[in-house]
């Protein structure tokens, strides 16, 4: 990966990292809620989202040709997780929803740029 390419990924890497942290925190907090059963979907999506964000960071930092495709999937999962978290009033869910929205935005931008680069080649 060229230095320029890595620099292009910095905002997305930061957003993915922050999202993974927020999702892991949210899941841990959801497990402490009085009605854990009401939080099952939130916890499951938090887990999926944190894992895909961590993988996206690894792909981007390693210069994988598949980073844009993975970022497109990451954006989809971030949207689902953010939508679910936004349904809950707890601060940890609201903060996670915001982190998911930022990550979705950055990942969509990177995925779109990556597709255009692939088409131009």
N, C-alpha and C. Protein backbone atom coordinates (compact mmCIF):
# COMPACT_ATOMS: atom_id res chain seq x y z
N UNK A 1 0.85 -1.17 0.00
CA UNK A 1 0.00 0.00 0.00
C UNK A 1 0.89 1.23 0.00
N UNK A 2 0.57 2.18 -0.82
CA UNK A 2 1.34 3.41 -0.83
C UNK A 2 1.00 4.22 0.42
N UNK A 3 1.92 5.10 0.78
CA UNK A 3 1.70 5.96 1.94
C UNK A 3 0.44 6.80 1.76
N UNK A 4 0.24 7.28 0.54
CA UNK A 4 -0.93 8.11 0.24
C UNK A 4 -2.21 7.34 0.49
N UNK A 5 -2.27 6.07 0.07
CA UNK A 5 -3.46 5.25 0.25
C UNK A 5 -3.76 5.07 1.75
N UNK A 6 -2.72 4.77 2.53
CA UNK A 6 -2.89 4.59 3.97
C UNK A 6 -3.43 5.88 4.59
N UNK A 7 -2.91 7.01 4.15
CA UNK A 7 -3.39 8.29 4.66
C UNK A 7 -4.87 8.48 4.32
N UNK A 8 -5.28 8.05 3.13
CA UNK A 8 -6.68 8.15 2.73
C UNK A 8 -7.60 7.35 3.65
N UNK A 9 -7.07 6.31 4.25
CA UNK A 9 -7.87 5.43 5.11
C UNK A 9 -7.94 5.90 6.56
N UNK A 10 -7.15 6.92 6.93
CA UNK A 10 -7.04 7.27 8.34
C UNK A 10 -8.37 7.62 9.02
N UNK A 11 -9.21 8.41 8.36
CA UNK A 11 -10.49 8.77 8.98
C UNK A 11 -11.38 7.56 9.15
N UNK A 12 -11.37 6.67 8.18
CA UNK A 12 -12.21 5.47 8.26
C UNK A 12 -11.67 4.51 9.32
N UNK A 13 -10.36 4.37 9.39
CA UNK A 13 -9.74 3.52 10.43
C UNK A 13 -10.13 4.04 11.81
N UNK A 14 -10.01 5.36 12.00
CA UNK A 14 -10.35 5.96 13.30
C UNK A 14 -11.83 5.74 13.63
N UNK A 15 -12.71 5.92 12.65
CA UNK A 15 -14.15 5.74 12.87
C UNK A 15 -14.48 4.29 13.19
N UNK A 16 -13.84 3.36 12.49
CA UNK A 16 -14.07 1.93 12.75
C UNK A 16 -13.58 1.54 14.13
N UNK A 17 -12.41 2.05 14.50
CA UNK A 17 -11.88 1.74 15.82
C UNK A 17 -12.81 2.28 16.92
N UNK A 18 -13.21 3.53 16.78
CA UNK A 18 -14.12 4.13 17.77
C UNK A 18 -15.44 3.38 17.84
N UNK A 19 -15.93 2.94 16.70
CA UNK A 19 -17.20 2.20 16.66
C UNK A 19 -17.06 0.85 17.36
N UNK A 20 -15.96 0.16 17.11
CA UNK A 20 -15.75 -1.13 17.77
C UNK A 20 -15.71 -0.96 19.29
N UNK A 21 -15.02 0.07 19.76
CA UNK A 21 -14.95 0.35 21.19
C UNK A 21 -16.35 0.65 21.74
N UNK A 22 -17.10 1.50 21.05
CA UNK A 22 -18.45 1.87 21.49
C UNK A 22 -19.37 0.65 21.52
N UNK A 23 -19.26 -0.21 20.50
CA UNK A 23 -20.11 -1.41 20.44
C UNK A 23 -19.78 -2.40 21.55
N UNK A 24 -18.49 -2.59 21.82
CA UNK A 24 -18.10 -3.49 22.90
C UNK A 24 -18.58 -2.95 24.24
N UNK A 25 -18.47 -1.65 24.44
CA UNK A 25 -18.95 -1.01 25.67
C UNK A 25 -20.47 -1.14 25.79
N UNK A 26 -21.16 -0.89 24.70
CA UNK A 26 -22.62 -0.97 24.69
C UNK A 26 -23.08 -2.39 25.05
N UNK A 27 -22.47 -3.39 24.43
CA UNK A 27 -22.85 -4.78 24.70
C UNK A 27 -22.64 -5.11 26.17
N UNK A 28 -21.52 -4.70 26.73
CA UNK A 28 -21.24 -4.97 28.14
C UNK A 28 -22.27 -4.29 29.04
N UNK A 29 -22.61 -3.05 28.71
CA UNK A 29 -23.62 -2.33 29.50
C UNK A 29 -25.00 -2.94 29.34
N UNK A 30 -25.34 -3.37 28.13
CA UNK A 30 -26.65 -4.00 27.89
C UNK A 30 -26.81 -5.27 28.74
N UNK A 31 -25.71 -5.98 28.92
CA UNK A 31 -25.76 -7.20 29.74
C UNK A 31 -26.05 -6.89 31.21
N UNK A 32 -25.86 -5.64 31.61
CA UNK A 32 -26.13 -5.22 32.99
C UNK A 32 -27.53 -4.61 33.15
N UNK A 33 -28.24 -4.46 32.06
CA UNK A 33 -29.59 -3.88 32.14
C UNK A 33 -30.54 -4.84 32.85
N UNK A 34 -31.54 -4.29 33.56
CA UNK A 34 -32.48 -5.15 34.29
C UNK A 34 -33.22 -6.14 33.39
N UNK A 35 -33.60 -5.70 32.19
CA UNK A 35 -34.32 -6.57 31.27
C UNK A 35 -33.39 -6.94 30.11
N UNK A 36 -32.48 -7.86 30.36
CA UNK A 36 -31.48 -8.25 29.36
C UNK A 36 -32.16 -8.82 28.12
N UNK A 37 -33.28 -9.51 28.32
CA UNK A 37 -33.97 -10.12 27.17
C UNK A 37 -34.40 -9.07 26.16
N UNK A 38 -34.72 -7.88 26.62
CA UNK A 38 -35.13 -6.80 25.71
C UNK A 38 -33.93 -6.25 24.93
N UNK A 39 -32.73 -6.62 25.35
CA UNK A 39 -31.51 -6.09 24.74
C UNK A 39 -30.80 -7.10 23.85
N UNK A 40 -31.39 -8.27 23.65
CA UNK A 40 -30.71 -9.35 22.93
C UNK A 40 -30.29 -8.93 21.52
N UNK A 41 -31.18 -8.31 20.77
CA UNK A 41 -30.83 -7.90 19.40
C UNK A 41 -29.73 -6.84 19.42
N UNK A 42 -29.81 -5.91 20.35
CA UNK A 42 -28.80 -4.87 20.48
C UNK A 42 -27.44 -5.50 20.76
N UNK A 43 -27.38 -6.43 21.69
CA UNK A 43 -26.13 -7.10 22.05
C UNK A 43 -25.57 -7.87 20.85
N UNK A 44 -26.42 -8.59 20.14
CA UNK A 44 -25.97 -9.37 18.98
C UNK A 44 -25.42 -8.45 17.89
N UNK A 45 -26.11 -7.35 17.62
CA UNK A 45 -25.62 -6.42 16.60
C UNK A 45 -24.35 -5.70 17.05
N UNK A 46 -24.28 -5.37 18.34
CA UNK A 46 -23.04 -4.78 18.88
C UNK A 46 -21.86 -5.71 18.60
N UNK A 47 -22.06 -6.99 18.84
CA UNK A 47 -20.99 -7.97 18.63
C UNK A 47 -20.60 -8.06 17.16
N UNK A 48 -21.59 -8.18 16.29
CA UNK A 48 -21.32 -8.23 14.85
C UNK A 48 -20.59 -6.98 14.38
N UNK A 49 -21.07 -5.84 14.83
CA UNK A 49 -20.53 -4.56 14.39
C UNK A 49 -19.09 -4.39 14.87
N UNK A 50 -18.83 -4.69 16.14
CA UNK A 50 -17.47 -4.57 16.66
C UNK A 50 -16.51 -5.47 15.88
N UNK A 51 -16.94 -6.68 15.60
CA UNK A 51 -16.07 -7.62 14.89
C UNK A 51 -15.78 -7.17 13.46
N UNK A 52 -16.79 -6.71 12.74
CA UNK A 52 -16.57 -6.28 11.36
C UNK A 52 -15.74 -5.00 11.32
N UNK A 53 -15.93 -4.12 12.30
CA UNK A 53 -15.13 -2.90 12.36
C UNK A 53 -13.65 -3.23 12.60
N UNK A 54 -13.39 -4.17 13.50
CA UNK A 54 -12.01 -4.58 13.78
C UNK A 54 -11.37 -5.21 12.54
N UNK A 55 -12.14 -6.02 11.83
CA UNK A 55 -11.63 -6.64 10.61
C UNK A 55 -11.37 -5.58 9.53
N UNK A 56 -12.27 -4.61 9.43
CA UNK A 56 -12.09 -3.53 8.45
C UNK A 56 -10.81 -2.75 8.75
N UNK A 57 -10.55 -2.48 10.02
CA UNK A 57 -9.31 -1.80 10.40
C UNK A 57 -8.11 -2.61 9.94
N UNK A 58 -8.14 -3.91 10.17
CA UNK A 58 -7.03 -4.79 9.77
C UNK A 58 -6.85 -4.78 8.26
N UNK A 59 -7.95 -4.85 7.51
CA UNK A 59 -7.86 -4.84 6.05
C UNK A 59 -7.30 -3.51 5.54
N UNK A 60 -7.81 -2.40 6.09
CA UNK A 60 -7.34 -1.10 5.63
C UNK A 60 -5.87 -0.87 6.00
N UNK A 61 -5.50 -1.18 7.24
CA UNK A 61 -4.13 -0.92 7.66
C UNK A 61 -3.15 -1.84 6.96
N UNK A 62 -3.62 -3.01 6.51
CA UNK A 62 -2.77 -3.93 5.78
C UNK A 62 -2.78 -3.73 4.28
N UNK A 63 -3.59 -2.80 3.81
CA UNK A 63 -3.62 -2.49 2.38
C UNK A 63 -4.33 -3.52 1.53
N UNK A 64 -5.26 -4.26 2.11
CA UNK A 64 -5.97 -5.29 1.36
C UNK A 64 -6.76 -4.71 0.20
N UNK A 65 -6.70 -5.41 -0.93
CA UNK A 65 -7.53 -5.03 -2.08
C UNK A 65 -9.02 -5.18 -1.77
N UNK A 66 -9.33 -5.95 -0.74
CA UNK A 66 -10.73 -6.21 -0.38
C UNK A 66 -11.26 -5.22 0.66
N UNK A 67 -10.44 -4.25 1.07
CA UNK A 67 -10.88 -3.28 2.07
C UNK A 67 -12.15 -2.53 1.64
N UNK A 68 -12.25 -2.04 0.40
CA UNK A 68 -13.49 -1.33 0.03
C UNK A 68 -14.74 -2.22 0.11
N UNK A 69 -14.61 -3.47 -0.31
CA UNK A 69 -15.77 -4.38 -0.25
C UNK A 69 -16.15 -4.66 1.20
N UNK A 70 -15.15 -4.85 2.05
CA UNK A 70 -15.44 -5.10 3.46
C UNK A 70 -16.04 -3.85 4.10
N UNK A 71 -15.57 -2.69 3.70
CA UNK A 71 -16.12 -1.45 4.25
C UNK A 71 -17.58 -1.26 3.84
N UNK A 72 -17.96 -1.73 2.66
CA UNK A 72 -19.38 -1.67 2.26
C UNK A 72 -20.22 -2.53 3.19
N UNK A 73 -19.75 -3.73 3.51
CA UNK A 73 -20.46 -4.60 4.45
C UNK A 73 -20.47 -3.97 5.84
N UNK A 74 -19.34 -3.42 6.24
CA UNK A 74 -19.23 -2.77 7.55
C UNK A 74 -20.27 -1.65 7.66
N UNK A 75 -20.42 -0.86 6.61
CA UNK A 75 -21.40 0.23 6.62
C UNK A 75 -22.81 -0.31 6.82
N UNK A 76 -23.14 -1.43 6.15
CA UNK A 76 -24.47 -2.03 6.30
C UNK A 76 -24.71 -2.48 7.74
N UNK A 77 -23.72 -3.11 8.33
CA UNK A 77 -23.86 -3.60 9.71
C UNK A 77 -23.90 -2.43 10.68
N UNK A 78 -23.10 -1.40 10.44
CA UNK A 78 -23.15 -0.20 11.28
C UNK A 78 -24.53 0.44 11.24
N UNK A 79 -25.13 0.47 10.06
CA UNK A 79 -26.48 1.05 9.95
C UNK A 79 -27.47 0.24 10.80
N UNK A 80 -27.43 -1.08 10.68
CA UNK A 80 -28.35 -1.93 11.44
C UNK A 80 -28.13 -1.76 12.94
N UNK A 81 -26.87 -1.75 13.36
CA UNK A 81 -26.55 -1.61 14.77
C UNK A 81 -26.96 -0.22 15.28
N UNK A 82 -26.65 0.80 14.51
CA UNK A 82 -27.02 2.15 14.90
C UNK A 82 -28.52 2.34 15.01
N UNK A 83 -29.25 1.76 14.07
CA UNK A 83 -30.72 1.84 14.12
C UNK A 83 -31.27 1.16 15.37
N UNK A 84 -30.72 -0.01 15.69
CA UNK A 84 -31.18 -0.75 16.88
C UNK A 84 -30.83 0.02 18.14
N UNK A 85 -29.59 0.48 18.25
CA UNK A 85 -29.18 1.21 19.45
C UNK A 85 -30.00 2.49 19.64
N UNK A 86 -30.33 3.15 18.55
CA UNK A 86 -31.10 4.40 18.62
C UNK A 86 -32.49 4.19 19.22
N UNK A 87 -32.98 2.95 19.18
CA UNK A 87 -34.31 2.64 19.73
C UNK A 87 -34.31 2.64 21.26
N UNK A 88 -33.13 2.57 21.87
CA UNK A 88 -33.02 2.46 23.33
C UNK A 88 -32.54 3.78 23.92
N UNK A 89 -33.11 4.15 25.07
CA UNK A 89 -32.84 5.46 25.67
C UNK A 89 -31.54 5.54 26.46
N UNK A 90 -30.94 4.42 26.80
CA UNK A 90 -29.75 4.44 27.64
C UNK A 90 -28.62 5.20 26.94
N UNK A 91 -27.82 5.88 27.75
CA UNK A 91 -26.70 6.66 27.20
C UNK A 91 -25.76 5.81 26.38
N UNK A 92 -25.45 4.60 26.87
CA UNK A 92 -24.50 3.76 26.14
C UNK A 92 -25.04 3.38 24.76
N UNK A 93 -26.34 3.18 24.64
CA UNK A 93 -26.93 2.87 23.34
C UNK A 93 -26.92 4.09 22.44
N UNK A 94 -27.24 5.25 22.98
CA UNK A 94 -27.25 6.48 22.18
C UNK A 94 -25.84 6.83 21.69
N UNK A 95 -24.85 6.66 22.56
CA UNK A 95 -23.46 6.92 22.16
C UNK A 95 -23.01 5.92 21.09
N UNK A 96 -23.42 4.69 21.24
CA UNK A 96 -23.07 3.66 20.26
C UNK A 96 -23.74 3.97 18.92
N UNK A 97 -24.99 4.38 18.95
CA UNK A 97 -25.70 4.72 17.72
C UNK A 97 -24.96 5.82 16.97
N UNK A 98 -24.47 6.82 17.70
CA UNK A 98 -23.74 7.92 17.07
C UNK A 98 -22.42 7.43 16.48
N UNK A 99 -21.71 6.58 17.18
CA UNK A 99 -20.45 6.02 16.66
C UNK A 99 -20.71 5.18 15.42
N UNK A 100 -21.81 4.44 15.42
CA UNK A 100 -22.18 3.63 14.26
C UNK A 100 -22.49 4.50 13.05
N UNK A 101 -23.18 5.61 13.27
CA UNK A 101 -23.52 6.52 12.17
C UNK A 101 -22.26 7.12 11.55
N UNK A 102 -21.31 7.54 12.41
CA UNK A 102 -20.06 8.10 11.89
C UNK A 102 -19.29 7.05 11.10
N UNK A 103 -19.24 5.84 11.62
CA UNK A 103 -18.51 4.77 10.96
C UNK A 103 -19.18 4.40 9.64
N UNK A 104 -20.50 4.32 9.65
CA UNK A 104 -21.22 4.02 8.41
C UNK A 104 -20.87 5.04 7.34
N UNK A 105 -20.87 6.31 7.71
CA UNK A 105 -20.57 7.39 6.75
C UNK A 105 -19.16 7.23 6.17
N UNK A 106 -18.18 7.02 7.04
CA UNK A 106 -16.79 6.89 6.57
C UNK A 106 -16.61 5.65 5.70
N UNK A 107 -17.22 4.54 6.12
CA UNK A 107 -17.10 3.30 5.36
C UNK A 107 -17.77 3.40 3.99
N UNK A 108 -18.93 4.05 3.93
CA UNK A 108 -19.61 4.22 2.64
C UNK A 108 -18.75 5.05 1.69
N UNK A 109 -18.14 6.11 2.22
CA UNK A 109 -17.27 6.94 1.38
C UNK A 109 -16.11 6.11 0.84
N UNK A 110 -15.46 5.37 1.70
CA UNK A 110 -14.32 4.57 1.27
C UNK A 110 -14.75 3.50 0.28
N UNK A 111 -15.87 2.84 0.55
CA UNK A 111 -16.34 1.78 -0.34
C UNK A 111 -16.67 2.35 -1.72
N UNK A 112 -17.29 3.52 -1.77
CA UNK A 112 -17.63 4.15 -3.05
C UNK A 112 -16.38 4.56 -3.80
N UNK A 113 -15.42 5.15 -3.11
CA UNK A 113 -14.15 5.54 -3.74
C UNK A 113 -13.41 4.31 -4.25
N UNK A 114 -13.45 3.23 -3.48
CA UNK A 114 -12.77 1.99 -3.87
C UNK A 114 -13.37 1.38 -5.12
N UNK A 115 -14.70 1.43 -5.22
CA UNK A 115 -15.37 0.89 -6.42
C UNK A 115 -15.00 1.72 -7.64
N UNK A 116 -14.96 3.05 -7.49
CA UNK A 116 -14.60 3.91 -8.62
C UNK A 116 -13.16 3.67 -9.04
N UNK A 117 -12.29 3.47 -8.07
CA UNK A 117 -10.87 3.20 -8.39
C UNK A 117 -10.75 1.90 -9.14
N UNK A 118 -11.53 0.91 -8.73
CA UNK A 118 -11.48 -0.40 -9.40
C UNK A 118 -11.99 -0.30 -10.84
N UNK A 119 -13.00 0.53 -11.05
CA UNK A 119 -13.57 0.70 -12.38
C UNK A 119 -12.59 1.43 -13.30
N UNK A 120 -11.88 2.42 -12.74
CA UNK A 120 -10.95 3.22 -13.54
C UNK A 120 -9.72 2.44 -13.96
N UNK A 121 -9.37 1.40 -13.24
CA UNK A 121 -8.12 0.66 -13.53
C UNK A 121 -8.19 -0.09 -14.80
